Amino acid sequence: MEIAIRAFKAISDEETCLKFIDGHRRLLEFHFGVAKITSSNNSWMHHENTYVVVAESLDRSKVFGGARVQVADGKLPLPIEAAVGKYDPKIHEQATPGSSEICGLWNSREVAGMGIGSIFMARVGVVMAMQLNVEKIFFLCAPVTVRIGRRIGGLIETTLGNKGEFFYPKDDFVATAMVINDCQTLVSADEKERAKIFELFDNPIQQRVVETGPKGDMLVDYLLKI
């Protein structure tokens, strides 16, 4: 399979944002039975400090997955604030201007199990945040993705909720709040993951990179300069 992983400012590409929204909605509704969650609120499309990354076909006609990086600016609350603020208002004290969140990770069922909506998007989300010169990155993880959060340098934010855990987006789902406190150094990241992230940060434009996912190899064009 050949794909491109492309980053852009949300307000610069409405057409791709709409494809992102449609794909994310379909995954939530049909796979998880969740009609609406905070990170699927569409106001981010018009937010100056939201950036998007998509995995798409080389001709840009099809979006297979994506994620967003939103920088806190005092104008649009981070999705994690809307998600857990009613349970623990301390999140508002921590999500100060200059911090950020990786949110809205998803992939289509067509590429399920290839890592596109998990490790690839998480890794690239960190690269984007590094370009934006933020120091702190929040994200909410499902139980099966906490290990991916740890790989990219995330720590469980035990000061929030029940030692970092919340019932979200439904009462029978557990989400874990994680944070990378050292976005520019990633001292807590897995060594191989840290090397890959810095390599992408140093070389955000690459073509035909062979990437190995859980279901085999892919050829990836990286277009990550924002």
N, C-alpha and C. Protein backbone atom coordinates (compact mmCIF):
# COMPACT_ATOMS: atom_id res chain seq x y z
N MET A 1 0.84 -1.19 0.00
CA MET A 1 0.00 0.00 0.00
C MET A 1 0.88 1.24 0.00
N GLU A 2 0.47 2.24 -0.75
CA GLU A 2 1.18 3.51 -0.80
C GLU A 2 0.26 4.62 -0.31
N ILE A 3 0.75 5.42 0.65
CA ILE A 3 -0.03 6.51 1.18
C ILE A 3 0.86 7.73 1.36
N ALA A 4 0.21 8.86 1.56
CA ALA A 4 0.92 10.08 1.97
C ALA A 4 0.40 10.46 3.35
N ILE A 5 1.30 10.89 4.21
CA ILE A 5 0.92 11.44 5.52
C ILE A 5 1.26 12.92 5.48
N ARG A 6 0.20 13.73 5.49
CA ARG A 6 0.35 15.17 5.21
C ARG A 6 -0.20 16.00 6.35
N ALA A 7 0.55 17.03 6.73
CA ALA A 7 0.14 17.95 7.79
C ALA A 7 -0.20 19.31 7.18
N PHE A 8 -1.18 19.99 7.78
CA PHE A 8 -1.56 21.31 7.30
C PHE A 8 -2.34 22.05 8.37
N LYS A 9 -2.42 23.35 8.21
CA LYS A 9 -3.21 24.18 9.12
C LYS A 9 -4.68 24.00 8.77
N ALA A 10 -5.52 23.80 9.78
CA ALA A 10 -6.91 23.44 9.54
C ALA A 10 -7.63 24.44 8.63
N ILE A 11 -7.41 25.73 8.84
CA ILE A 11 -8.14 26.74 8.08
C ILE A 11 -7.69 26.83 6.63
N SER A 12 -6.62 26.11 6.28
CA SER A 12 -6.08 26.22 4.92
C SER A 12 -6.64 25.19 3.95
N ASP A 13 -7.39 24.19 4.43
CA ASP A 13 -7.84 23.10 3.56
C ASP A 13 -9.18 22.57 4.05
N GLU A 14 -10.24 23.29 3.73
CA GLU A 14 -11.58 22.93 4.20
C GLU A 14 -12.02 21.58 3.64
N GLU A 15 -11.70 21.31 2.38
CA GLU A 15 -12.15 20.07 1.75
C GLU A 15 -11.61 18.84 2.49
N THR A 16 -10.32 18.85 2.82
CA THR A 16 -9.76 17.70 3.54
C THR A 16 -10.27 17.64 4.97
N CYS A 17 -10.49 18.79 5.59
CA CYS A 17 -11.07 18.79 6.93
C CYS A 17 -12.43 18.11 6.93
N LEU A 18 -13.25 18.36 5.92
CA LEU A 18 -14.57 17.74 5.84
C LEU A 18 -14.46 16.23 5.64
N LYS A 19 -13.48 15.79 4.88
CA LYS A 19 -13.25 14.35 4.72
C LYS A 19 -12.82 13.74 6.05
N PHE A 20 -11.98 14.45 6.77
CA PHE A 20 -11.53 14.01 8.10
C PHE A 20 -12.74 13.85 9.02
N ILE A 21 -13.59 14.85 9.06
CA ILE A 21 -14.77 14.84 9.93
C ILE A 21 -15.68 13.68 9.58
N ASP A 22 -15.90 13.45 8.30
CA ASP A 22 -16.79 12.37 7.88
C ASP A 22 -16.22 11.01 8.26
N GLY A 23 -14.93 10.82 8.04
CA GLY A 23 -14.31 9.54 8.39
C GLY A 23 -14.31 9.29 9.88
N HIS A 24 -14.02 10.32 10.66
CA HIS A 24 -14.01 10.19 12.12
C HIS A 24 -15.42 9.87 12.63
N ARG A 25 -16.42 10.56 12.09
CA ARG A 25 -17.80 10.33 12.50
C ARG A 25 -18.23 8.90 12.20
N ARG A 26 -17.90 8.42 11.02
CA ARG A 26 -18.28 7.06 10.65
C ARG A 26 -17.67 6.03 11.60
N LEU A 27 -16.41 6.23 11.94
CA LEU A 27 -15.75 5.30 12.86
C LEU A 27 -16.45 5.30 14.22
N LEU A 28 -16.72 6.49 14.75
CA LEU A 28 -17.34 6.59 16.06
C LEU A 28 -18.74 5.97 16.07
N GLU A 29 -19.52 6.25 15.04
CA GLU A 29 -20.91 5.80 15.02
C GLU A 29 -21.03 4.31 14.74
N PHE A 30 -20.30 3.84 13.76
CA PHE A 30 -20.51 2.46 13.30
C PHE A 30 -19.64 1.44 14.03
N HIS A 31 -18.49 1.88 14.50
CA HIS A 31 -17.59 0.91 15.15
C HIS A 31 -17.70 0.94 16.66
N PHE A 32 -17.85 2.16 17.24
CA PHE A 32 -17.87 2.29 18.69
C PHE A 32 -19.25 2.62 19.23
N GLY A 33 -20.21 2.95 18.37
CA GLY A 33 -21.54 3.27 18.84
C GLY A 33 -21.62 4.58 19.58
N VAL A 34 -20.69 5.50 19.29
CA VAL A 34 -20.65 6.81 19.94
C VAL A 34 -21.03 7.85 18.91
N ALA A 35 -22.11 8.56 19.17
CA ALA A 35 -22.60 9.52 18.18
C ALA A 35 -21.79 10.81 18.16
N LYS A 36 -21.32 11.28 19.34
CA LYS A 36 -20.61 12.55 19.39
C LYS A 36 -19.70 12.58 20.61
N ILE A 37 -18.46 12.99 20.40
CA ILE A 37 -17.55 13.22 21.51
C ILE A 37 -16.92 14.58 21.32
N THR A 38 -16.25 15.08 22.35
CA THR A 38 -15.77 16.46 22.30
C THR A 38 -14.77 16.70 21.18
N SER A 39 -13.91 15.73 20.90
CA SER A 39 -12.90 15.96 19.87
C SER A 39 -13.49 15.93 18.46
N SER A 40 -14.79 15.55 18.34
CA SER A 40 -15.43 15.56 17.03
C SER A 40 -16.23 16.84 16.80
N ASN A 41 -16.17 17.79 17.74
CA ASN A 41 -16.78 19.10 17.54
C ASN A 41 -16.09 19.78 16.37
N ASN A 42 -16.87 20.31 15.42
CA ASN A 42 -16.28 20.78 14.17
C ASN A 42 -15.76 22.22 14.22
N SER A 43 -15.85 22.89 15.36
CA SER A 43 -15.39 24.28 15.44
C SER A 43 -13.89 24.40 15.19
N TRP A 44 -13.15 23.30 15.37
CA TRP A 44 -11.71 23.35 15.15
C TRP A 44 -11.35 23.70 13.71
N MET A 45 -12.25 23.43 12.76
CA MET A 45 -11.98 23.74 11.35
C MET A 45 -11.65 25.20 11.13
N HIS A 46 -12.20 26.06 11.98
CA HIS A 46 -12.07 27.51 11.81
C HIS A 46 -11.16 28.13 12.87
N HIS A 47 -10.38 27.29 13.51
CA HIS A 47 -9.51 27.74 14.59
C HIS A 47 -8.10 27.97 14.08
N GLU A 48 -7.57 29.15 14.33
CA GLU A 48 -6.26 29.54 13.81
C GLU A 48 -5.14 28.64 14.29
N ASN A 49 -5.28 28.05 15.48
CA ASN A 49 -4.20 27.28 16.07
C ASN A 49 -4.48 25.78 16.15
N THR A 50 -5.23 25.27 15.18
CA THR A 50 -5.43 23.84 15.04
C THR A 50 -4.78 23.36 13.75
N TYR A 51 -4.08 22.25 13.85
CA TYR A 51 -3.36 21.66 12.72
C TYR A 51 -3.82 20.22 12.55
N VAL A 52 -3.81 19.76 11.32
CA VAL A 52 -4.38 18.46 10.97
C VAL A 52 -3.31 17.62 10.28
N VAL A 53 -3.35 16.32 10.53
CA VAL A 53 -2.52 15.39 9.77
C VAL A 53 -3.44 14.29 9.26
N VAL A 54 -3.29 13.95 7.99
CA VAL A 54 -4.10 12.89 7.40
C VAL A 54 -3.21 11.87 6.71
N ALA A 55 -3.67 10.63 6.74
CA ALA A 55 -3.11 9.59 5.89
C ALA A 55 -4.06 9.48 4.71
N GLU A 56 -3.56 9.68 3.52
CA GLU A 56 -4.44 9.78 2.36
C GLU A 56 -3.82 9.09 1.15
N SER A 57 -4.65 8.88 0.14
CA SER A 57 -4.14 8.33 -1.12
C SER A 57 -3.23 9.37 -1.77
N LEU A 58 -2.35 8.91 -2.62
CA LEU A 58 -1.37 9.82 -3.21
C LEU A 58 -2.01 10.91 -4.05
N ASP A 59 -3.20 10.64 -4.60
CA ASP A 59 -3.90 11.68 -5.37
C ASP A 59 -4.81 12.54 -4.51
N ARG A 60 -4.81 12.31 -3.21
CA ARG A 60 -5.57 13.08 -2.21
C ARG A 60 -7.09 12.91 -2.35
N SER A 61 -7.51 11.90 -3.05
CA SER A 61 -8.95 11.69 -3.22
C SER A 61 -9.58 10.96 -2.05
N LYS A 62 -8.78 10.26 -1.24
CA LYS A 62 -9.32 9.43 -0.17
C LYS A 62 -8.50 9.62 1.10
N VAL A 63 -9.19 9.81 2.23
CA VAL A 63 -8.53 9.93 3.52
C VAL A 63 -8.75 8.64 4.30
N PHE A 64 -7.66 8.02 4.73
CA PHE A 64 -7.71 6.74 5.44
C PHE A 64 -7.66 6.91 6.96
N GLY A 65 -7.26 8.07 7.43
CA GLY A 65 -7.16 8.29 8.86
C GLY A 65 -6.56 9.65 9.14
N GLY A 66 -6.50 10.00 10.42
CA GLY A 66 -5.93 11.30 10.73
C GLY A 66 -5.87 11.57 12.22
N ALA A 67 -5.43 12.77 12.53
CA ALA A 67 -5.35 13.27 13.90
C ALA A 67 -5.25 14.79 13.82
N ARG A 68 -5.38 15.41 14.98
CA ARG A 68 -5.25 16.87 15.04
C ARG A 68 -4.32 17.25 16.18
N VAL A 69 -3.67 18.38 16.01
CA VAL A 69 -2.91 19.00 17.09
C VAL A 69 -3.50 20.38 17.30
N GLN A 70 -4.02 20.61 18.51
CA GLN A 70 -4.60 21.91 18.84
C GLN A 70 -3.73 22.57 19.90
N VAL A 71 -3.37 23.82 19.64
CA VAL A 71 -2.55 24.59 20.58
C VAL A 71 -3.47 25.46 21.43
N ALA A 72 -3.29 25.40 22.73
CA ALA A 72 -4.10 26.21 23.64
C ALA A 72 -3.76 27.68 23.45
N ASP A 73 -4.79 28.50 23.29
CA ASP A 73 -4.57 29.93 23.07
C ASP A 73 -5.56 30.81 23.82
N GLY A 74 -6.38 30.21 24.69
CA GLY A 74 -7.36 30.99 25.43
C GLY A 74 -8.61 31.32 24.65
N LYS A 75 -8.69 30.83 23.40
CA LYS A 75 -9.86 31.10 22.57
C LYS A 75 -10.74 29.87 22.43
N LEU A 76 -10.17 28.78 21.96
CA LEU A 76 -10.91 27.52 21.83
C LEU A 76 -10.35 26.54 22.84
N PRO A 77 -11.17 26.07 23.81
CA PRO A 77 -10.65 25.12 24.80
C PRO A 77 -10.13 23.86 24.14
N LEU A 78 -9.11 23.26 24.72
CA LEU A 78 -8.65 21.97 24.23
C LEU A 78 -9.76 20.94 24.42
N PRO A 79 -9.87 19.96 23.53
CA PRO A 79 -10.90 18.93 23.69
C PRO A 79 -10.86 18.23 25.04
N ILE A 80 -9.67 18.03 25.60
CA ILE A 80 -9.58 17.36 26.90
C ILE A 80 -10.24 18.20 28.00
N GLU A 81 -10.25 19.53 27.83
CA GLU A 81 -10.93 20.38 28.81
C GLU A 81 -12.43 20.14 28.78
N ALA A 82 -12.99 20.07 27.58
CA ALA A 82 -14.43 19.82 27.45
C ALA A 82 -14.78 18.40 27.89
N ALA A 83 -13.86 17.46 27.65
CA ALA A 83 -14.14 16.06 27.95
C ALA A 83 -14.14 15.77 29.45
N VAL A 84 -13.16 16.29 30.16
CA VAL A 84 -13.01 15.90 31.57
C VAL A 84 -13.16 17.06 32.55
N GLY A 85 -13.33 18.28 32.03
CA GLY A 85 -13.42 19.44 32.91
C GLY A 85 -14.56 19.37 33.90
N LYS A 86 -15.68 18.76 33.51
CA LYS A 86 -16.82 18.67 34.43
C LYS A 86 -16.56 17.68 35.56
N TYR A 87 -15.62 16.75 35.34
CA TYR A 87 -15.26 15.80 36.39
C TYR A 87 -14.11 16.31 37.24
N ASP A 88 -13.20 17.04 36.61
CA ASP A 88 -12.03 17.53 37.32
C ASP A 88 -11.60 18.87 36.71
N PRO A 89 -12.03 19.98 37.32
CA PRO A 89 -11.72 21.31 36.75
C PRO A 89 -10.24 21.66 36.77
N LYS A 90 -9.41 20.86 37.43
CA LYS A 90 -7.97 21.16 37.44
C LYS A 90 -7.36 21.15 36.04
N ILE A 91 -8.01 20.47 35.11
CA ILE A 91 -7.49 20.43 33.74
C ILE A 91 -7.40 21.84 33.15
N HIS A 92 -8.30 22.73 33.55
CA HIS A 92 -8.28 24.09 33.00
C HIS A 92 -7.05 24.85 33.49
N GLU A 93 -6.57 24.53 34.68
CA GLU A 93 -5.36 25.17 35.21
C GLU A 93 -4.11 24.67 34.49
N GLN A 94 -4.18 23.46 33.96
CA GLN A 94 -3.00 22.87 33.33
C GLN A 94 -2.93 23.15 31.83
N ALA A 95 -4.09 23.32 31.19
CA ALA A 95 -4.12 23.54 29.74
C ALA A 95 -3.93 25.02 29.43
N THR A 96 -2.78 25.52 29.81
CA THR A 96 -2.49 26.94 29.65
C THR A 96 -2.00 27.24 28.23
N PRO A 97 -2.10 28.51 27.80
CA PRO A 97 -1.58 28.87 26.47
C PRO A 97 -0.14 28.40 26.29
N GLY A 98 0.09 27.78 25.15
CA GLY A 98 1.41 27.21 24.86
C GLY A 98 1.44 25.71 25.01
N SER A 99 0.48 25.15 25.76
CA SER A 99 0.36 23.70 25.78
C SER A 99 -0.49 23.27 24.57
N SER A 100 -0.64 21.97 24.38
CA SER A 100 -1.33 21.50 23.18
C SER A 100 -1.97 20.14 23.46
N GLU A 101 -2.69 19.66 22.49
CA GLU A 101 -3.30 18.33 22.60
C GLU A 101 -3.28 17.63 21.25
N ILE A 102 -2.92 16.35 21.28
CA ILE A 102 -3.12 15.48 20.12
C ILE A 102 -4.48 14.82 20.32
N CYS A 103 -5.36 14.96 19.37
CA CYS A 103 -6.73 14.47 19.56
C CYS A 103 -7.31 13.98 18.23
N GLY A 104 -8.48 13.36 18.33
CA GLY A 104 -9.20 12.94 17.12
C GLY A 104 -8.50 11.89 16.29
N LEU A 105 -7.68 11.03 16.91
CA LEU A 105 -7.01 9.98 16.13
C LEU A 105 -8.04 8.97 15.63
N TRP A 106 -7.95 8.62 14.37
CA TRP A 106 -8.87 7.63 13.82
C TRP A 106 -8.27 7.03 12.55
N ASN A 107 -8.82 5.89 12.15
CA ASN A 107 -8.51 5.32 10.83
C ASN A 107 -9.74 4.62 10.31
N SER A 108 -9.83 4.51 9.01
CA SER A 108 -10.97 3.84 8.39
C SER A 108 -10.85 2.33 8.59
N ARG A 109 -11.97 1.66 8.48
CA ARG A 109 -11.96 0.20 8.61
C ARG A 109 -11.14 -0.45 7.50
N GLU A 110 -11.00 0.26 6.40
CA GLU A 110 -10.23 -0.26 5.26
C GLU A 110 -8.77 -0.52 5.62
N VAL A 111 -8.23 0.27 6.56
CA VAL A 111 -6.82 0.12 6.94
C VAL A 111 -6.69 -0.29 8.41
N ALA A 112 -7.74 -0.86 8.97
CA ALA A 112 -7.72 -1.25 10.38
C ALA A 112 -6.58 -2.22 10.66
N GLY A 113 -5.90 -2.01 11.76
CA GLY A 113 -4.82 -2.90 12.16
C GLY A 113 -3.47 -2.60 11.56
N MET A 114 -3.38 -1.53 10.73
CA MET A 114 -2.10 -1.20 10.10
C MET A 114 -1.30 -0.18 10.90
N GLY A 115 -1.89 0.34 11.97
CA GLY A 115 -1.19 1.31 12.81
C GLY A 115 -1.37 2.75 12.38
N ILE A 116 -2.13 2.99 11.31
CA ILE A 116 -2.28 4.35 10.78
C ILE A 116 -2.95 5.26 11.80
N GLY A 117 -4.01 4.77 12.46
CA GLY A 117 -4.74 5.60 13.39
C GLY A 117 -4.20 5.55 14.80
N SER A 118 -3.07 4.91 15.00
CA SER A 118 -2.51 4.81 16.35
C SER A 118 -1.07 5.31 16.37
N ILE A 119 -0.11 4.43 16.20
CA ILE A 119 1.28 4.85 16.37
C ILE A 119 1.73 5.85 15.31
N PHE A 120 1.29 5.69 14.06
CA PHE A 120 1.72 6.64 13.02
C PHE A 120 1.21 8.04 13.31
N MET A 121 -0.09 8.15 13.66
CA MET A 121 -0.66 9.46 13.94
C MET A 121 -0.11 10.05 15.23
N ALA A 122 0.10 9.22 16.25
CA ALA A 122 0.65 9.71 17.51
C ALA A 122 2.06 10.25 17.29
N ARG A 123 2.87 9.51 16.58
CA ARG A 123 4.25 9.92 16.30
C ARG A 123 4.29 11.24 15.55
N VAL A 124 3.50 11.31 14.49
CA VAL A 124 3.50 12.53 13.68
C VAL A 124 2.90 13.70 14.45
N GLY A 125 1.93 13.42 15.34
CA GLY A 125 1.39 14.49 16.16
C GLY A 125 2.46 15.15 17.01
N VAL A 126 3.37 14.35 17.55
CA VAL A 126 4.48 14.91 18.32
C VAL A 126 5.39 15.74 17.43
N VAL A 127 5.67 15.26 16.24
CA VAL A 127 6.50 16.03 15.29
C VAL A 127 5.87 17.38 15.00
N MET A 128 4.56 17.40 14.82
CA MET A 128 3.87 18.66 14.55
C MET A 128 3.97 19.60 15.76
N ALA A 129 3.75 19.06 16.96
CA ALA A 129 3.83 19.89 18.17
C ALA A 129 5.24 20.46 18.34
N MET A 130 6.25 19.67 18.01
CA MET A 130 7.62 20.16 18.10
C MET A 130 7.84 21.32 17.14
N GLN A 131 7.28 21.23 15.95
CA GLN A 131 7.40 22.33 15.00
C GLN A 131 6.72 23.60 15.52
N LEU A 132 5.65 23.41 16.28
CA LEU A 132 4.90 24.54 16.82
C LEU A 132 5.52 25.10 18.09
N ASN A 133 6.62 24.48 18.51
CA ASN A 133 7.42 24.97 19.64
C ASN A 133 6.65 24.99 20.95
N VAL A 134 5.78 23.99 21.15
CA VAL A 134 5.11 23.84 22.44
C VAL A 134 5.93 22.89 23.30
N GLU A 135 5.71 22.96 24.60
CA GLU A 135 6.48 22.12 25.50
C GLU A 135 5.67 20.96 26.04
N LYS A 136 4.33 21.15 26.17
CA LYS A 136 3.47 20.15 26.81
C LYS A 136 2.40 19.68 25.82
N ILE A 137 2.19 18.36 25.78
CA ILE A 137 1.16 17.76 24.92
C ILE A 137 0.27 16.86 25.76
N PHE A 138 -1.02 17.15 25.77
CA PHE A 138 -2.00 16.27 26.40
C PHE A 138 -2.59 15.32 25.38
N PHE A 139 -3.08 14.17 25.83
CA PHE A 139 -3.90 13.30 25.00
C PHE A 139 -4.65 12.33 25.89
N LEU A 140 -5.82 11.90 25.41
CA LEU A 140 -6.63 10.90 26.10
C LEU A 140 -6.45 9.57 25.38
N CYS A 141 -6.23 8.51 26.15
CA CYS A 141 -5.98 7.19 25.56
C CYS A 141 -7.03 6.19 26.02
N ALA A 142 -7.43 5.32 25.11
CA ALA A 142 -8.19 4.14 25.49
C ALA A 142 -7.21 3.16 26.16
N PRO A 143 -7.73 2.19 26.93
CA PRO A 143 -6.82 1.26 27.62
C PRO A 143 -5.79 0.59 26.71
N VAL A 144 -6.20 0.25 25.48
CA VAL A 144 -5.27 -0.46 24.59
C VAL A 144 -4.22 0.45 23.98
N THR A 145 -4.40 1.78 24.09
CA THR A 145 -3.44 2.69 23.47
C THR A 145 -2.56 3.41 24.49
N VAL A 146 -2.73 3.13 25.77
CA VAL A 146 -1.85 3.73 26.78
C VAL A 146 -0.40 3.36 26.49
N ARG A 147 -0.16 2.14 26.05
CA ARG A 147 1.22 1.71 25.76
C ARG A 147 1.82 2.53 24.62
N ILE A 148 0.98 2.93 23.65
CA ILE A 148 1.48 3.78 22.57
C ILE A 148 1.81 5.16 23.11
N GLY A 149 0.96 5.66 24.01
CA GLY A 149 1.25 6.93 24.65
C GLY A 149 2.58 6.91 25.37
N ARG A 150 2.87 5.80 26.04
CA ARG A 150 4.15 5.68 26.74
C ARG A 150 5.31 5.65 25.74
N ARG A 151 5.12 4.99 24.61
CA ARG A 151 6.19 4.89 23.61
C ARG A 151 6.64 6.25 23.12
N ILE A 152 5.70 7.19 22.97
CA ILE A 152 6.05 8.51 22.45
C ILE A 152 6.44 9.49 23.55
N GLY A 153 6.55 9.01 24.79
CA GLY A 153 7.02 9.86 25.87
C GLY A 153 5.97 10.34 26.84
N GLY A 154 4.74 9.82 26.72
CA GLY A 154 3.66 10.25 27.59
C GLY A 154 3.70 9.59 28.96
N LEU A 155 3.28 10.34 29.96
CA LEU A 155 3.14 9.86 31.32
C LEU A 155 1.68 10.00 31.73
N ILE A 156 1.16 9.09 32.52
CA ILE A 156 -0.21 9.22 33.02
C ILE A 156 -0.28 10.42 33.95
N GLU A 157 -1.24 11.30 33.69
CA GLU A 157 -1.41 12.51 34.51
C GLU A 157 -2.24 12.15 35.73
N THR A 158 -1.56 11.64 36.76
CA THR A 158 -2.24 11.09 37.93
C THR A 158 -2.89 12.15 38.80
N THR A 159 -2.60 13.43 38.55
CA THR A 159 -3.23 14.50 39.34
C THR A 159 -4.66 14.76 38.89
N LEU A 160 -5.07 14.16 37.78
CA LEU A 160 -6.42 14.36 37.25
C LEU A 160 -7.27 13.10 37.45
N GLY A 161 -8.57 13.31 37.71
CA GLY A 161 -9.49 12.18 37.79
C GLY A 161 -9.11 11.18 38.85
N ASN A 162 -9.37 9.91 38.56
CA ASN A 162 -9.00 8.81 39.46
C ASN A 162 -7.64 8.28 39.03
N LYS A 163 -6.60 8.97 39.49
CA LYS A 163 -5.22 8.64 39.11
C LYS A 163 -5.04 8.64 37.60
N GLY A 164 -5.70 9.61 36.96
CA GLY A 164 -5.56 9.78 35.52
C GLY A 164 -6.67 9.17 34.70
N GLU A 165 -7.59 8.43 35.33
CA GLU A 165 -8.64 7.74 34.58
C GLU A 165 -9.99 8.43 34.73
N PHE A 166 -10.76 8.37 33.62
CA PHE A 166 -12.10 8.93 33.56
C PHE A 166 -13.01 7.96 32.83
N PHE A 167 -14.30 8.03 33.09
CA PHE A 167 -15.27 7.33 32.25
C PHE A 167 -15.61 8.27 31.10
N TYR A 168 -15.10 7.94 29.92
CA TYR A 168 -15.28 8.81 28.74
C TYR A 168 -14.96 8.00 27.49
N PRO A 169 -15.74 8.15 26.40
CA PRO A 169 -16.86 9.06 26.19
C PRO A 169 -18.21 8.55 26.71
N LYS A 170 -18.26 7.30 27.20
CA LYS A 170 -19.49 6.77 27.79
C LYS A 170 -19.14 6.13 29.12
N ASP A 171 -20.16 5.82 29.89
CA ASP A 171 -19.93 5.29 31.24
C ASP A 171 -19.25 3.93 31.25
N ASP A 172 -19.28 3.23 30.12
CA ASP A 172 -18.62 1.92 30.08
C ASP A 172 -17.29 1.97 29.32
N PHE A 173 -16.78 3.18 29.07
CA PHE A 173 -15.47 3.35 28.44
C PHE A 173 -14.55 4.05 29.43
N VAL A 174 -13.34 3.56 29.55
CA VAL A 174 -12.35 4.21 30.42
C VAL A 174 -11.32 4.91 29.54
N ALA A 175 -11.07 6.18 29.85
CA ALA A 175 -10.04 6.94 29.15
C ALA A 175 -8.97 7.36 30.16
N THR A 176 -7.74 7.37 29.71
CA THR A 176 -6.62 7.75 30.57
C THR A 176 -6.00 9.04 30.06
N ALA A 177 -5.88 10.02 30.94
CA ALA A 177 -5.25 11.30 30.58
C ALA A 177 -3.74 11.14 30.66
N MET A 178 -3.07 11.47 29.57
CA MET A 178 -1.61 11.39 29.53
C MET A 178 -1.05 12.73 29.08
N VAL A 179 0.22 12.95 29.39
CA VAL A 179 0.85 14.22 29.04
C VAL A 179 2.33 13.97 28.75
N ILE A 180 2.82 14.67 27.75
CA ILE A 180 4.26 14.76 27.50
C ILE A 180 4.68 16.13 27.99
N ASN A 181 5.50 16.17 29.02
CA ASN A 181 5.90 17.45 29.63
C ASN A 181 7.15 18.04 29.00
N ASP A 182 7.82 17.28 28.15
CA ASP A 182 9.10 17.73 27.59
C ASP A 182 9.12 17.48 26.09
N CYS A 183 8.20 18.14 25.40
CA CYS A 183 8.00 17.88 23.96
C CYS A 183 9.29 18.06 23.15
N GLN A 184 10.16 18.96 23.56
CA GLN A 184 11.34 19.25 22.77
C GLN A 184 12.51 18.30 23.03
N THR A 185 12.39 17.48 24.08
CA THR A 185 13.48 16.55 24.40
C THR A 185 13.02 15.09 24.46
N LEU A 186 11.78 14.83 24.89
CA LEU A 186 11.19 13.49 24.91
C LEU A 186 12.04 12.49 25.67
N VAL A 187 12.48 12.88 26.85
CA VAL A 187 13.39 12.00 27.59
C VAL A 187 12.70 10.71 28.06
N SER A 188 11.37 10.71 28.16
CA SER A 188 10.66 9.52 28.63
C SER A 188 10.24 8.59 27.50
N ALA A 189 10.49 8.97 26.25
CA ALA A 189 10.05 8.17 25.11
C ALA A 189 10.91 6.93 24.94
N ASP A 190 10.31 5.91 24.33
CA ASP A 190 11.07 4.74 23.91
C ASP A 190 12.21 5.19 23.01
N GLU A 191 13.38 4.62 23.19
CA GLU A 191 14.57 5.09 22.48
C GLU A 191 14.40 5.05 20.95
N LYS A 192 13.86 3.94 20.43
CA LYS A 192 13.67 3.84 18.98
C LYS A 192 12.62 4.83 18.50
N GLU A 193 11.56 5.00 19.29
CA GLU A 193 10.50 5.93 18.91
C GLU A 193 11.01 7.37 18.93
N ARG A 194 11.79 7.67 19.94
CA ARG A 194 12.36 9.02 20.03
C ARG A 194 13.23 9.32 18.82
N ALA A 195 14.05 8.35 18.42
CA ALA A 195 14.92 8.54 17.25
C ALA A 195 14.09 8.77 15.99
N LYS A 196 13.00 8.02 15.83
CA LYS A 196 12.15 8.17 14.66
C LYS A 196 11.48 9.54 14.65
N ILE A 197 10.99 9.99 15.80
CA ILE A 197 10.34 11.29 15.88
C ILE A 197 11.31 12.40 15.52
N PHE A 198 12.52 12.36 16.07
CA PHE A 198 13.49 13.41 15.76
C PHE A 198 13.95 13.35 14.31
N GLU A 199 14.00 12.15 13.75
CA GLU A 199 14.37 12.03 12.34
C GLU A 199 13.31 12.69 11.45
N LEU A 200 12.03 12.49 11.79
CA LEU A 200 10.96 13.14 11.03
C LEU A 200 10.94 14.64 11.27
N PHE A 201 11.26 15.06 12.48
CA PHE A 201 11.33 16.49 12.77
C PHE A 201 12.44 17.15 11.94
N ASP A 202 13.58 16.50 11.86
CA ASP A 202 14.70 17.06 11.10
C ASP A 202 14.47 16.98 9.60
N ASN A 203 13.69 15.98 9.15
CA ASN A 203 13.44 15.78 7.71
C ASN A 203 11.94 15.58 7.49
N PRO A 204 11.15 16.65 7.57
CA PRO A 204 9.69 16.50 7.50
C PRO A 204 9.15 16.19 6.11
N ILE A 205 9.98 16.34 5.08
CA ILE A 205 9.56 16.02 3.72
C ILE A 205 10.38 14.82 3.25
N GLN A 206 9.71 13.68 3.07
CA GLN A 206 10.39 12.46 2.62
C GLN A 206 9.47 11.71 1.67
N GLN A 207 10.06 10.98 0.75
CA GLN A 207 9.27 10.23 -0.23
C GLN A 207 9.61 8.75 -0.19
N ARG A 208 8.56 7.95 -0.38
CA ARG A 208 8.67 6.50 -0.54
C ARG A 208 9.49 5.85 0.59
N VAL A 209 9.11 6.22 1.81
CA VAL A 209 9.74 5.62 2.98
C VAL A 209 9.05 4.29 3.28
N VAL A 210 9.82 3.24 3.46
CA VAL A 210 9.24 1.94 3.80
C VAL A 210 8.98 1.92 5.30
N GLU A 211 7.72 1.82 5.68
CA GLU A 211 7.33 1.76 7.08
C GLU A 211 6.68 0.40 7.35
N THR A 212 7.05 -0.21 8.45
CA THR A 212 6.50 -1.51 8.82
C THR A 212 5.46 -1.33 9.91
N GLY A 213 4.23 -1.72 9.58
CA GLY A 213 3.15 -1.67 10.54
C GLY A 213 2.80 -3.07 11.01
N PRO A 214 1.78 -3.19 11.87
CA PRO A 214 1.39 -4.52 12.38
C PRO A 214 1.01 -5.51 11.29
N LYS A 215 0.54 -5.01 10.14
CA LYS A 215 0.12 -5.91 9.07
C LYS A 215 1.04 -5.87 7.87
N GLY A 216 2.26 -5.42 8.07
CA GLY A 216 3.21 -5.45 6.96
C GLY A 216 3.72 -4.08 6.57
N ASP A 217 4.40 -4.03 5.42
CA ASP A 217 5.06 -2.81 4.98
C ASP A 217 4.14 -1.90 4.17
N MET A 218 4.42 -0.61 4.27
CA MET A 218 3.75 0.41 3.47
C MET A 218 4.81 1.34 2.91
N LEU A 219 4.51 1.94 1.77
CA LEU A 219 5.34 3.02 1.24
C LEU A 219 4.67 4.33 1.61
N VAL A 220 5.42 5.21 2.28
CA VAL A 220 4.83 6.44 2.80
C VAL A 220 5.59 7.66 2.29
N ASP A 221 4.83 8.63 1.77
CA ASP A 221 5.38 9.96 1.50
C ASP A 221 5.04 10.84 2.71
N TYR A 222 6.02 11.43 3.33
CA TYR A 222 5.79 12.33 4.46
C TYR A 222 5.83 13.78 3.98
N LEU A 223 4.78 14.51 4.30
CA LEU A 223 4.68 15.93 3.96
C LEU A 223 4.28 16.66 5.25
N LEU A 224 5.23 16.83 6.14
CA LEU A 224 4.92 17.23 7.51
C LEU A 224 5.32 18.67 7.84
N LYS A 225 5.81 19.41 6.87
CA LYS A 225 6.21 20.79 7.16
C LYS A 225 4.98 21.66 7.31
N ILE A 226 4.85 22.34 8.47
CA ILE A 226 3.69 23.21 8.69
C ILE A 226 4.16 24.63 9.04
